[in-house]
Amino acid sequence: MEISEKLLCLFSADVSTEGDRYIVEVPRREIETGSVDPDETYRVALIATSEGTTEEETASATTAPGEPQPPVEIGEVRYVEVEDLGKQGDGIARVERGYVIIVPDAEVGERVKIEVTEVKSNFAVGEIIE
């Protein structure tokens, strides 16, 4: 499946009925992170969930069913800007959908090239490589 570069966010949602309308709810986090503006009109694509998931696919899933997959993968290299410092002094960068990447030994305002070394459902860790 080809994904457009114009993709703003990706999430799972149920379709509900309200009178003679059908509603797809956008998660609050998509509004709060600025991915979606509630006063704008968007094109929506609906993708059916797959029934025949293999054991390998199930074992590699890092998020709960219905949750979006992290926007990064282990081994991925990208440039990020450090926006904040965590409680332990590590740099904090945010990428698509407000997803957090922890960057040890980085300072606020730095733009660094990282390699993603760990991926969890709500954050990743990236080591500075340049």
N, C-alpha and C. Protein backbone atom coordinates (compact mmCIF):
# COMPACT_ATOMS: atom_id res chain seq x y z
N MET A 1 0.84 -1.16 0.00
CA MET A 1 0.00 0.00 0.00
C MET A 1 0.89 1.23 0.00
N GLU A 2 0.60 2.18 -0.85
CA GLU A 2 1.36 3.41 -0.92
C GLU A 2 0.74 4.45 0.01
N ILE A 3 1.58 5.10 0.81
CA ILE A 3 1.12 6.12 1.74
C ILE A 3 1.55 7.49 1.22
N SER A 4 0.62 8.42 1.15
CA SER A 4 0.89 9.77 0.66
C SER A 4 1.82 10.52 1.60
N GLU A 5 2.67 11.37 1.05
CA GLU A 5 3.53 12.23 1.85
C GLU A 5 2.71 13.30 2.58
N LYS A 6 1.46 13.48 2.18
CA LYS A 6 0.58 14.46 2.81
C LYS A 6 -0.09 13.91 4.08
N LEU A 7 0.21 12.66 4.46
CA LEU A 7 -0.39 12.05 5.63
C LEU A 7 -0.08 12.89 6.86
N LEU A 8 -1.10 13.33 7.58
CA LEU A 8 -0.93 14.15 8.77
C LEU A 8 -0.87 13.31 10.04
N CYS A 9 -1.69 12.28 10.10
CA CYS A 9 -1.72 11.43 11.27
C CYS A 9 -2.33 10.08 10.88
N LEU A 10 -2.14 9.11 11.75
CA LEU A 10 -2.67 7.78 11.50
C LEU A 10 -3.14 7.22 12.84
N PHE A 11 -4.39 6.81 12.91
CA PHE A 11 -4.92 6.26 14.14
C PHE A 11 -6.02 5.27 13.80
N SER A 12 -6.38 4.45 14.78
CA SER A 12 -7.49 3.52 14.62
C SER A 12 -8.71 4.10 15.30
N ALA A 13 -9.87 3.90 14.69
CA ALA A 13 -11.11 4.42 15.27
C ALA A 13 -12.28 3.56 14.82
N ASP A 14 -13.32 3.57 15.61
CA ASP A 14 -14.56 2.90 15.24
C ASP A 14 -15.45 3.90 14.53
N VAL A 15 -16.33 3.39 13.69
CA VAL A 15 -17.33 4.23 13.03
C VAL A 15 -18.62 4.05 13.83
N SER A 16 -19.19 5.16 14.31
CA SER A 16 -20.45 5.07 15.07
C SER A 16 -21.57 5.77 14.32
N THR A 17 -22.79 5.50 14.74
CA THR A 17 -23.97 6.06 14.10
C THR A 17 -24.60 7.10 15.02
N GLU A 18 -24.97 8.24 14.44
CA GLU A 18 -25.68 9.29 15.18
C GLU A 18 -26.77 9.82 14.26
N GLY A 19 -28.00 9.34 14.48
CA GLY A 19 -29.09 9.73 13.58
C GLY A 19 -28.84 9.19 12.19
N ASP A 20 -28.82 10.09 11.20
CA ASP A 20 -28.58 9.66 9.82
C ASP A 20 -27.14 9.92 9.39
N ARG A 21 -26.22 10.08 10.37
CA ARG A 21 -24.80 10.32 10.07
C ARG A 21 -23.95 9.20 10.66
N TYR A 22 -22.78 9.02 10.06
CA TYR A 22 -21.78 8.10 10.59
C TYR A 22 -20.58 8.92 11.03
N ILE A 23 -20.01 8.61 12.18
CA ILE A 23 -18.98 9.45 12.78
C ILE A 23 -17.71 8.64 13.02
N VAL A 24 -16.58 9.21 12.62
CA VAL A 24 -15.26 8.67 12.94
C VAL A 24 -14.64 9.67 13.91
N GLU A 25 -14.35 9.23 15.13
CA GLU A 25 -13.81 10.13 16.14
C GLU A 25 -12.29 10.24 16.00
N VAL A 26 -11.80 11.48 16.06
CA VAL A 26 -10.37 11.76 16.01
C VAL A 26 -9.87 11.82 17.46
N PRO A 27 -8.83 11.05 17.80
CA PRO A 27 -8.32 11.08 19.18
C PRO A 27 -7.84 12.48 19.57
N ARG A 28 -8.09 12.84 20.81
CA ARG A 28 -7.70 14.16 21.34
C ARG A 28 -6.22 14.47 21.09
N ARG A 29 -5.35 13.46 21.21
CA ARG A 29 -3.91 13.70 21.06
C ARG A 29 -3.57 14.25 19.67
N GLU A 30 -4.36 13.91 18.64
CA GLU A 30 -4.09 14.41 17.30
C GLU A 30 -4.38 15.91 17.21
N ILE A 31 -5.35 16.38 17.96
CA ILE A 31 -5.66 17.80 18.01
C ILE A 31 -4.61 18.51 18.85
N GLU A 32 -4.30 17.95 20.03
CA GLU A 32 -3.35 18.57 20.95
C GLU A 32 -1.95 18.68 20.39
N THR A 33 -1.53 17.73 19.55
CA THR A 33 -0.18 17.78 18.98
C THR A 33 -0.13 18.65 17.72
N GLY A 34 -1.29 19.15 17.29
CA GLY A 34 -1.32 20.03 16.12
C GLY A 34 -1.38 19.31 14.80
N SER A 35 -1.56 18.00 14.82
CA SER A 35 -1.66 17.26 13.57
C SER A 35 -2.92 17.62 12.81
N VAL A 36 -4.00 17.87 13.56
CA VAL A 36 -5.30 18.12 12.97
C VAL A 36 -5.91 19.36 13.62
N ASP A 37 -6.52 20.22 12.81
CA ASP A 37 -7.21 21.41 13.30
C ASP A 37 -8.71 21.13 13.21
N PRO A 38 -9.45 21.23 14.33
CA PRO A 38 -10.88 20.87 14.30
C PRO A 38 -11.73 21.77 13.41
N ASP A 39 -11.22 22.90 12.98
CA ASP A 39 -11.99 23.82 12.13
C ASP A 39 -11.69 23.64 10.65
N GLU A 40 -10.90 22.64 10.28
CA GLU A 40 -10.54 22.40 8.88
C GLU A 40 -11.28 21.19 8.33
N THR A 41 -11.28 21.07 7.02
CA THR A 41 -11.85 19.91 6.34
C THR A 41 -10.72 19.04 5.83
N TYR A 42 -10.83 17.72 6.00
CA TYR A 42 -9.78 16.79 5.60
C TYR A 42 -10.35 15.67 4.75
N ARG A 43 -9.50 15.08 3.94
CA ARG A 43 -9.85 13.84 3.23
C ARG A 43 -9.56 12.70 4.18
N VAL A 44 -10.44 11.72 4.21
CA VAL A 44 -10.30 10.60 5.13
C VAL A 44 -10.23 9.31 4.33
N ALA A 45 -9.27 8.46 4.66
CA ALA A 45 -9.17 7.14 4.03
C ALA A 45 -9.45 6.11 5.11
N LEU A 46 -10.29 5.14 4.81
CA LEU A 46 -10.59 4.08 5.75
C LEU A 46 -9.93 2.80 5.26
N ILE A 47 -9.19 2.15 6.15
CA ILE A 47 -8.48 0.93 5.80
C ILE A 47 -8.99 -0.17 6.72
N ALA A 48 -9.47 -1.26 6.15
CA ALA A 48 -10.00 -2.36 6.96
C ALA A 48 -8.89 -2.99 7.78
N THR A 49 -9.25 -3.45 8.97
CA THR A 49 -8.27 -4.18 9.77
C THR A 49 -8.10 -5.55 9.17
N SER A 50 -6.89 -6.09 9.23
CA SER A 50 -6.64 -7.40 8.63
C SER A 50 -7.01 -8.50 9.62
N GLU A 51 -7.67 -9.51 9.12
CA GLU A 51 -8.10 -10.63 9.96
C GLU A 51 -7.00 -11.67 10.11
N GLY A 52 -6.21 -11.91 9.04
CA GLY A 52 -5.24 -13.00 9.03
C GLY A 52 -3.85 -12.57 9.45
N THR A 53 -3.69 -12.03 10.64
CA THR A 53 -2.38 -11.61 11.11
C THR A 53 -1.55 -12.82 11.49
N THR A 54 -0.29 -12.85 11.03
CA THR A 54 0.57 -13.99 11.34
C THR A 54 1.15 -13.86 12.74
N GLU A 55 1.68 -14.98 13.28
CA GLU A 55 2.31 -14.94 14.60
C GLU A 55 3.48 -13.99 14.60
N GLU A 56 4.24 -13.95 13.51
CA GLU A 56 5.40 -13.07 13.42
C GLU A 56 4.96 -11.61 13.52
N GLU A 57 3.89 -11.25 12.82
CA GLU A 57 3.39 -9.88 12.87
C GLU A 57 2.89 -9.54 14.27
N THR A 58 2.22 -10.50 14.91
CA THR A 58 1.72 -10.27 16.26
C THR A 58 2.87 -10.08 17.23
N ALA A 59 3.91 -10.89 17.12
CA ALA A 59 5.05 -10.80 18.02
C ALA A 59 5.81 -9.49 17.84
N SER A 60 5.81 -8.94 16.63
CA SER A 60 6.58 -7.71 16.39
C SER A 60 5.79 -6.46 16.72
N ALA A 61 4.50 -6.59 17.03
CA ALA A 61 3.69 -5.40 17.33
C ALA A 61 4.16 -4.80 18.64
N THR A 62 4.32 -3.47 18.67
CA THR A 62 4.79 -2.80 19.87
C THR A 62 3.72 -1.96 20.53
N THR A 63 2.51 -1.94 19.98
CA THR A 63 1.44 -1.15 20.56
C THR A 63 0.22 -2.02 20.77
N ALA A 64 -0.67 -1.55 21.62
CA ALA A 64 -1.91 -2.26 21.89
C ALA A 64 -2.81 -2.22 20.66
N PRO A 65 -3.69 -3.19 20.52
CA PRO A 65 -4.62 -3.17 19.38
C PRO A 65 -5.40 -1.85 19.37
N GLY A 66 -5.57 -1.29 18.19
CA GLY A 66 -6.30 -0.04 18.06
C GLY A 66 -5.44 1.20 18.22
N GLU A 67 -4.22 1.04 18.64
CA GLU A 67 -3.32 2.18 18.79
C GLU A 67 -2.45 2.33 17.56
N PRO A 68 -2.08 3.58 17.21
CA PRO A 68 -1.22 3.77 16.04
C PRO A 68 0.18 3.23 16.30
N GLN A 69 0.83 2.79 15.25
CA GLN A 69 2.20 2.30 15.37
C GLN A 69 3.15 3.49 15.52
N PRO A 70 4.28 3.31 16.21
CA PRO A 70 5.26 4.40 16.33
C PRO A 70 5.73 4.84 14.94
N PRO A 71 6.01 6.14 14.76
CA PRO A 71 6.42 6.64 13.45
C PRO A 71 7.89 6.41 13.13
N VAL A 72 8.61 5.67 13.99
CA VAL A 72 10.03 5.38 13.76
C VAL A 72 10.28 3.88 13.95
N GLU A 73 11.41 3.41 13.41
CA GLU A 73 11.79 2.01 13.54
C GLU A 73 13.22 1.92 14.04
N ILE A 74 13.57 0.83 14.69
CA ILE A 74 14.94 0.62 15.14
C ILE A 74 15.87 0.64 13.92
N GLY A 75 16.97 1.36 14.05
CA GLY A 75 17.94 1.47 12.96
C GLY A 75 17.70 2.65 12.04
N GLU A 76 16.55 3.29 12.16
CA GLU A 76 16.23 4.44 11.31
C GLU A 76 17.14 5.62 11.68
N VAL A 77 17.60 6.32 10.66
CA VAL A 77 18.45 7.50 10.87
C VAL A 77 17.65 8.71 10.44
N ARG A 78 17.64 9.74 11.30
CA ARG A 78 16.94 10.98 10.95
C ARG A 78 17.51 12.14 11.74
N TYR A 79 17.21 13.35 11.26
CA TYR A 79 17.59 14.57 11.95
C TYR A 79 16.42 14.99 12.83
N VAL A 80 16.72 15.38 14.08
CA VAL A 80 15.69 15.86 14.99
C VAL A 80 16.20 17.12 15.68
N GLU A 81 15.26 17.93 16.15
CA GLU A 81 15.61 19.12 16.92
C GLU A 81 15.19 18.88 18.37
N VAL A 82 16.13 19.08 19.28
CA VAL A 82 15.86 18.86 20.70
C VAL A 82 15.09 20.07 21.24
N GLU A 83 13.89 19.79 21.75
CA GLU A 83 12.99 20.85 22.20
C GLU A 83 12.99 21.07 23.70
N ASP A 84 13.40 20.05 24.45
CA ASP A 84 13.25 20.11 25.90
C ASP A 84 14.25 19.15 26.52
N LEU A 85 14.37 19.21 27.86
CA LEU A 85 15.18 18.25 28.59
C LEU A 85 14.28 17.44 29.51
N GLY A 86 14.53 16.15 29.58
CA GLY A 86 13.78 15.28 30.48
C GLY A 86 14.26 15.44 31.91
N LYS A 87 13.60 14.77 32.83
CA LYS A 87 13.93 14.86 34.26
C LYS A 87 15.35 14.41 34.56
N GLN A 88 15.89 13.51 33.74
CA GLN A 88 17.26 13.02 33.97
C GLN A 88 18.28 13.71 33.08
N GLY A 89 17.88 14.80 32.43
CA GLY A 89 18.80 15.60 31.64
C GLY A 89 18.95 15.18 30.19
N ASP A 90 18.20 14.18 29.74
CA ASP A 90 18.28 13.75 28.35
C ASP A 90 17.49 14.70 27.46
N GLY A 91 17.95 14.85 26.22
CA GLY A 91 17.23 15.68 25.26
C GLY A 91 15.92 15.03 24.86
N ILE A 92 14.92 15.86 24.60
CA ILE A 92 13.61 15.39 24.16
C ILE A 92 13.30 16.03 22.81
N ALA A 93 13.06 15.20 21.82
CA ALA A 93 12.66 15.67 20.48
C ALA A 93 11.28 15.08 20.19
N ARG A 94 10.51 15.81 19.40
CA ARG A 94 9.18 15.31 19.01
C ARG A 94 9.13 15.24 17.49
N VAL A 95 8.53 14.15 17.00
CA VAL A 95 8.39 13.96 15.56
C VAL A 95 6.90 13.84 15.23
N GLU A 96 6.54 13.12 14.21
CA GLU A 96 5.15 13.00 13.79
C GLU A 96 4.23 12.68 14.96
N ARG A 97 3.06 13.35 14.96
CA ARG A 97 2.00 13.13 15.95
C ARG A 97 2.47 13.41 17.37
N GLY A 98 3.56 14.16 17.55
CA GLY A 98 4.05 14.46 18.89
C GLY A 98 4.80 13.33 19.55
N TYR A 99 5.12 12.29 18.78
CA TYR A 99 5.85 11.14 19.30
C TYR A 99 7.22 11.58 19.81
N VAL A 100 7.59 11.12 21.00
CA VAL A 100 8.82 11.56 21.68
C VAL A 100 9.99 10.65 21.35
N ILE A 101 11.14 11.28 21.07
CA ILE A 101 12.40 10.55 20.95
C ILE A 101 13.35 11.13 22.00
N ILE A 102 13.85 10.27 22.86
CA ILE A 102 14.79 10.67 23.90
C ILE A 102 16.19 10.60 23.30
N VAL A 103 16.94 11.69 23.46
CA VAL A 103 18.28 11.78 22.87
C VAL A 103 19.28 12.10 23.98
N PRO A 104 19.94 11.08 24.56
CA PRO A 104 20.93 11.33 25.61
C PRO A 104 22.06 12.24 25.11
N ASP A 105 22.58 13.06 26.01
CA ASP A 105 23.72 13.96 25.74
C ASP A 105 23.41 15.04 24.72
N ALA A 106 22.16 15.43 24.57
CA ALA A 106 21.79 16.50 23.64
C ALA A 106 21.29 17.70 24.44
N GLU A 107 21.45 18.88 23.88
CA GLU A 107 21.03 20.12 24.53
C GLU A 107 19.84 20.73 23.80
N VAL A 108 19.04 21.49 24.52
CA VAL A 108 17.88 22.17 23.94
C VAL A 108 18.35 23.07 22.80
N GLY A 109 17.64 23.00 21.66
CA GLY A 109 17.96 23.82 20.50
C GLY A 109 18.90 23.16 19.51
N GLU A 110 19.55 22.07 19.91
CA GLU A 110 20.45 21.35 18.99
C GLU A 110 19.65 20.61 17.93
N ARG A 111 20.16 20.61 16.70
CA ARG A 111 19.61 19.77 15.64
C ARG A 111 20.66 18.70 15.39
N VAL A 112 20.29 17.43 15.66
CA VAL A 112 21.27 16.35 15.63
C VAL A 112 20.80 15.23 14.71
N LYS A 113 21.77 14.49 14.19
CA LYS A 113 21.48 13.29 13.41
C LYS A 113 21.54 12.13 14.38
N ILE A 114 20.45 11.34 14.41
CA ILE A 114 20.39 10.23 15.35
C ILE A 114 20.10 8.91 14.63
N GLU A 115 20.42 7.83 15.33
CA GLU A 115 19.99 6.51 14.91
C GLU A 115 19.08 5.99 16.01
N VAL A 116 17.90 5.54 15.65
CA VAL A 116 16.94 5.04 16.63
C VAL A 116 17.42 3.67 17.12
N THR A 117 17.59 3.54 18.46
CA THR A 117 18.12 2.31 19.03
C THR A 117 17.09 1.51 19.81
N GLU A 118 15.98 2.15 20.17
CA GLU A 118 14.93 1.48 20.94
C GLU A 118 13.60 2.12 20.59
N VAL A 119 12.56 1.32 20.42
CA VAL A 119 11.23 1.85 20.08
C VAL A 119 10.20 1.23 21.02
N LYS A 120 9.44 2.08 21.67
CA LYS A 120 8.32 1.67 22.52
C LYS A 120 7.05 2.30 21.95
N SER A 121 5.90 1.96 22.50
CA SER A 121 4.64 2.47 21.96
C SER A 121 4.52 3.98 22.10
N ASN A 122 5.10 4.57 23.16
CA ASN A 122 4.93 6.01 23.36
C ASN A 122 6.22 6.82 23.33
N PHE A 123 7.36 6.19 23.10
CA PHE A 123 8.61 6.92 22.95
C PHE A 123 9.66 6.03 22.31
N ALA A 124 10.72 6.68 21.84
CA ALA A 124 11.87 5.94 21.31
C ALA A 124 13.13 6.56 21.89
N VAL A 125 14.25 5.87 21.72
CA VAL A 125 15.55 6.39 22.13
C VAL A 125 16.41 6.46 20.89
N GLY A 126 17.10 7.58 20.73
CA GLY A 126 17.99 7.75 19.58
C GLY A 126 19.37 8.19 20.04
N GLU A 127 20.40 7.56 19.49
CA GLU A 127 21.79 7.91 19.81
C GLU A 127 22.32 8.87 18.76
N ILE A 128 23.02 9.91 19.21
CA ILE A 128 23.60 10.88 18.28
C ILE A 128 24.70 10.21 17.46
N ILE A 129 24.64 10.36 16.14
CA ILE A 129 25.69 9.80 15.28
C ILE A 129 26.43 10.89 14.53
N GLU A 130 25.96 12.13 14.64
CA GLU A 130 26.64 13.24 13.95
C GLU A 130 26.28 14.53 14.61
